[in-house]
Protein backbone atom coordinates (compact mmCIF):
# COMPACT_ATOMS: atom_id res chain seq x y z
CA UNK A 1 4.95 8.04 -14.71
CA UNK A 2 3.49 4.43 -13.82
CA UNK A 3 4.66 1.51 -11.93
CA UNK A 4 3.98 -2.04 -12.54
CA UNK A 5 4.81 -4.71 -10.05
CA UNK A 6 5.46 -7.90 -11.67
CA UNK A 7 6.46 -11.34 -10.72
CA UNK A 8 8.25 -13.80 -13.22
CA UNK A 9 10.64 -16.05 -11.60
CA UNK A 10 13.61 -14.78 -9.94
CA UNK A 11 13.73 -10.93 -9.93
CA UNK A 12 17.34 -10.61 -11.15
CA UNK A 13 16.17 -11.54 -14.61
CA UNK A 14 13.26 -9.12 -14.74
CA UNK A 15 15.59 -6.45 -13.25
CA UNK A 16 18.26 -6.92 -15.84
CA UNK A 17 15.75 -6.69 -18.75
CA UNK A 18 13.67 -3.83 -17.62
CA UNK A 19 16.83 -1.56 -16.95
CA UNK A 20 17.63 -1.92 -20.70
CA UNK A 21 14.45 -0.15 -22.04
CA UNK A 22 14.08 3.49 -22.82
CA UNK A 23 11.51 5.21 -20.72
CA UNK A 24 12.16 2.87 -17.50
CA UNK A 25 13.06 5.41 -15.00
CA UNK A 26 13.51 3.03 -12.00
CA UNK A 27 13.50 -0.89 -11.29
CA UNK A 28 13.39 -2.10 -7.68
CA UNK A 29 13.59 -5.68 -6.79
CA UNK A 30 11.35 -6.89 -3.93
CA UNK A 31 8.91 -8.84 -2.42
CA UNK A 32 5.13 -8.87 -2.23
CA UNK A 33 2.13 -10.98 -2.20
CA UNK A 34 2.67 -12.73 1.18
CA UNK A 35 1.78 -12.47 4.93
CA UNK A 36 5.11 -11.94 6.59
CA UNK A 37 6.06 -8.39 7.25
CA UNK A 38 9.44 -7.28 6.17
CA UNK A 39 10.73 -10.69 4.92
CA UNK A 40 14.37 -11.45 4.22
CA UNK A 41 15.67 -12.93 0.75
CA UNK A 42 16.31 -16.17 2.91
CA UNK A 43 12.95 -16.28 4.36
CA UNK A 44 11.17 -15.59 0.97
CA UNK A 45 13.60 -18.44 -0.56
CA UNK A 46 11.75 -21.07 1.96
CA UNK A 47 8.48 -20.43 0.09
CA UNK A 48 6.66 -20.30 3.42
CA UNK A 49 6.24 -16.40 3.61
CA UNK A 50 3.82 -16.39 0.64
CA UNK A 51 5.85 -13.47 -1.05
CA UNK A 52 6.83 -13.63 -4.60
CA UNK A 53 10.18 -12.17 -5.98
CA UNK A 54 8.90 -9.18 -7.96
CA UNK A 55 9.99 -5.95 -9.76
CA UNK A 56 8.55 -2.56 -9.54
CA UNK A 57 9.01 -1.05 -12.91
CA UNK A 58 8.40 2.75 -13.20
CA UNK A 59 8.25 3.93 -16.62
CA UNK A 60 7.16 7.13 -18.52
CA UNK A 61 4.24 6.09 -20.80
CA UNK A 62 5.28 8.91 -23.22
CA UNK A 63 8.24 6.97 -24.03
CA UNK A 64 7.33 3.48 -23.76
CA UNK A 65 3.68 2.30 -23.83
CA UNK A 66 2.30 0.29 -20.96
CA UNK A 67 1.39 -2.68 -23.48
CA UNK A 68 5.34 -3.03 -24.17
CA UNK A 69 6.41 -3.00 -20.76
CA UNK A 70 3.72 -5.84 -20.08
CA UNK A 71 4.59 -7.82 -23.28
CA UNK A 72 8.14 -7.62 -22.41
CA UNK A 73 7.09 -9.40 -19.39
CA UNK A 74 5.55 -12.12 -21.14
CA UNK A 75 8.63 -12.46 -23.44
CA UNK A 76 11.00 -12.70 -20.69
CA UNK A 77 9.40 -15.56 -18.85
CA UNK A 78 7.25 -18.72 -19.45
CA UNK A 79 3.84 -17.97 -17.92
CA UNK A 80 2.48 -21.37 -18.24
CA UNK A 81 4.94 -22.77 -15.44
CA UNK A 82 3.09 -22.99 -12.10
CA UNK A 83 5.07 -21.59 -9.15
CA UNK A 84 8.18 -21.92 -11.18
CA UNK A 85 10.66 -20.82 -13.79
CA UNK A 86 13.12 -23.32 -15.29
CA UNK A 87 14.90 -24.91 -12.00
CA UNK A 88 13.64 -22.05 -9.75
CA UNK A 89 10.89 -23.78 -7.98
CA UNK A 90 8.32 -22.62 -5.36
CA UNK A 91 5.28 -20.10 -4.98
CA UNK A 92 8.22 -17.38 -4.57
CA UNK A 93 8.96 -17.70 -8.41
CA UNK A 94 5.12 -17.51 -9.49
CA UNK A 95 3.93 -15.56 -12.54
CA UNK A 96 1.84 -12.66 -11.15
CA UNK A 97 0.70 -9.27 -11.76
CA UNK A 98 0.08 -7.19 -8.84
CA UNK A 99 -2.38 -4.29 -9.71
CA UNK A 100 -3.04 -1.03 -7.54
CA UNK A 101 -6.24 0.14 -9.52
CA UNK A 102 -9.00 -1.21 -11.48
CA UNK A 103 -7.50 0.36 -14.58
CA UNK A 104 -4.10 -1.48 -14.01
CA UNK A 105 -6.11 -4.66 -13.48
CA UNK A 106 -7.62 -4.19 -17.10
CA UNK A 107 -4.29 -3.67 -18.54
CA UNK A 108 -2.66 -6.77 -17.02
CA UNK A 109 -5.98 -8.77 -17.79
CA UNK A 110 -5.59 -7.62 -21.69
CA UNK A 111 -1.88 -8.54 -21.57
CA UNK A 112 -2.65 -11.98 -20.31
CA UNK A 113 -4.94 -12.20 -23.39
CA UNK A 114 -2.40 -11.04 -25.72
CA UNK A 115 0.22 -13.49 -24.21
CA UNK A 116 -2.28 -16.34 -24.34
CA UNK A 117 -2.04 -16.02 -28.08
CA UNK A 118 1.55 -16.37 -28.29
CA UNK A 119 1.78 -19.01 -25.79
CA UNK A 120 -1.13 -21.20 -27.03
CA UNK A 121 -3.06 -20.81 -23.78
CA UNK A 122 -2.35 -22.52 -20.49
CA UNK A 123 -1.14 -19.13 -18.88
CA UNK A 124 -1.09 -19.34 -15.19
CA UNK A 125 -0.11 -15.77 -14.43
CA UNK A 126 -2.40 -14.82 -11.47
CA UNK A 127 -3.77 -11.17 -11.19
CA UNK A 128 -3.45 -10.02 -7.55
CA UNK A 129 -4.07 -6.55 -5.60
CA UNK A 130 -0.85 -5.15 -4.62
CA UNK A 131 -0.24 -5.55 -0.80
CA UNK A 132 2.99 -4.26 1.05
CA UNK A 133 5.83 -3.82 -1.25
CA UNK A 134 9.14 -4.65 0.64
CA UNK A 135 12.49 -3.63 -1.09
CA UNK A 136 14.90 -6.70 -1.54
CA UNK A 137 18.22 -6.40 -0.05
CA UNK A 138 20.59 -3.83 -1.69
CA UNK A 139 22.86 -6.43 -3.16
CA UNK A 140 19.88 -7.53 -5.24
CA UNK A 141 19.30 -4.37 -6.80
CA UNK A 142 20.82 -4.20 -10.39
CA UNK A 143 22.33 -7.53 -9.49
CA UNK A 144 23.29 -8.36 -13.27
CA UNK A 145 25.16 -5.09 -13.76
CA UNK A 146 26.97 -5.73 -10.44
CA UNK A 147 27.64 -9.53 -11.09
CA UNK A 148 28.06 -10.10 -14.88
CA UNK A 149 30.09 -12.91 -14.76
CA UNK A 150 28.18 -14.69 -12.05
CA UNK A 151 26.80 -18.11 -13.18
CA UNK A 152 23.05 -17.57 -12.96
CA UNK A 153 23.53 -14.21 -14.96
CA UNK A 154 25.66 -15.93 -17.58
CA UNK A 155 23.34 -18.90 -17.96
CA UNK A 156 19.94 -17.44 -17.23
CA UNK A 157 19.54 -13.81 -17.23
CA UNK A 158 22.03 -12.73 -20.19
CA UNK A 159 20.00 -14.84 -22.66
CA UNK A 160 16.62 -13.12 -21.58
CA UNK A 161 18.42 -9.70 -21.90
CA UNK A 162 19.48 -10.77 -25.64
CA UNK A 163 15.92 -12.28 -26.43
CA UNK A 164 14.09 -8.77 -25.19
CA UNK A 165 16.81 -6.74 -27.04
CA UNK A 166 16.30 -8.40 -30.39
CA UNK A 167 12.35 -8.53 -29.93
CA UNK A 168 12.18 -4.88 -28.70
CA UNK A 169 14.90 -3.28 -30.44
CA UNK A 170 13.23 0.17 -30.81
CA UNK A 171 13.01 0.56 -27.13
CA UNK A 172 16.35 -0.46 -25.96
CA UNK A 173 18.58 2.30 -24.44
CA UNK A 174 20.84 3.68 -26.99
CA UNK A 175 19.16 1.89 -29.86
């Protein structure tokens, strides 16, 4: 098993997408990359904690390769937007990959290179060492499944889930 900690805008979208993939055994929404210990969602939303909204994706590489996990990351958000994704603006929505080892850092750097070919360069995704990870509040965990009719889920998360399902059909649960 391997765990990647990734930030690409609101964690609800990343959580929703990664939960659809075969071989993903756990997805935890949380916060990392900042200085404030044990931040709350409200504090992170101010943009003053330095933390990003992230997901910790744990997966079985015998079922889904790490490259697919990373390529999905670059499919479901625009890595050229600095400190934002669409209408979500602030450093808490930055595109970042938090590594735990030199091997992960290399995997992440290679994924950025692959993505730069798809996105015609200009990628602003940062590689950062993983510091303290704080679980987000329980109501953020599996938010999309718990709130399918919520406006943000319908307008933003659902199209991202559909896009990844189409692009990565062989890796979708039940496919």
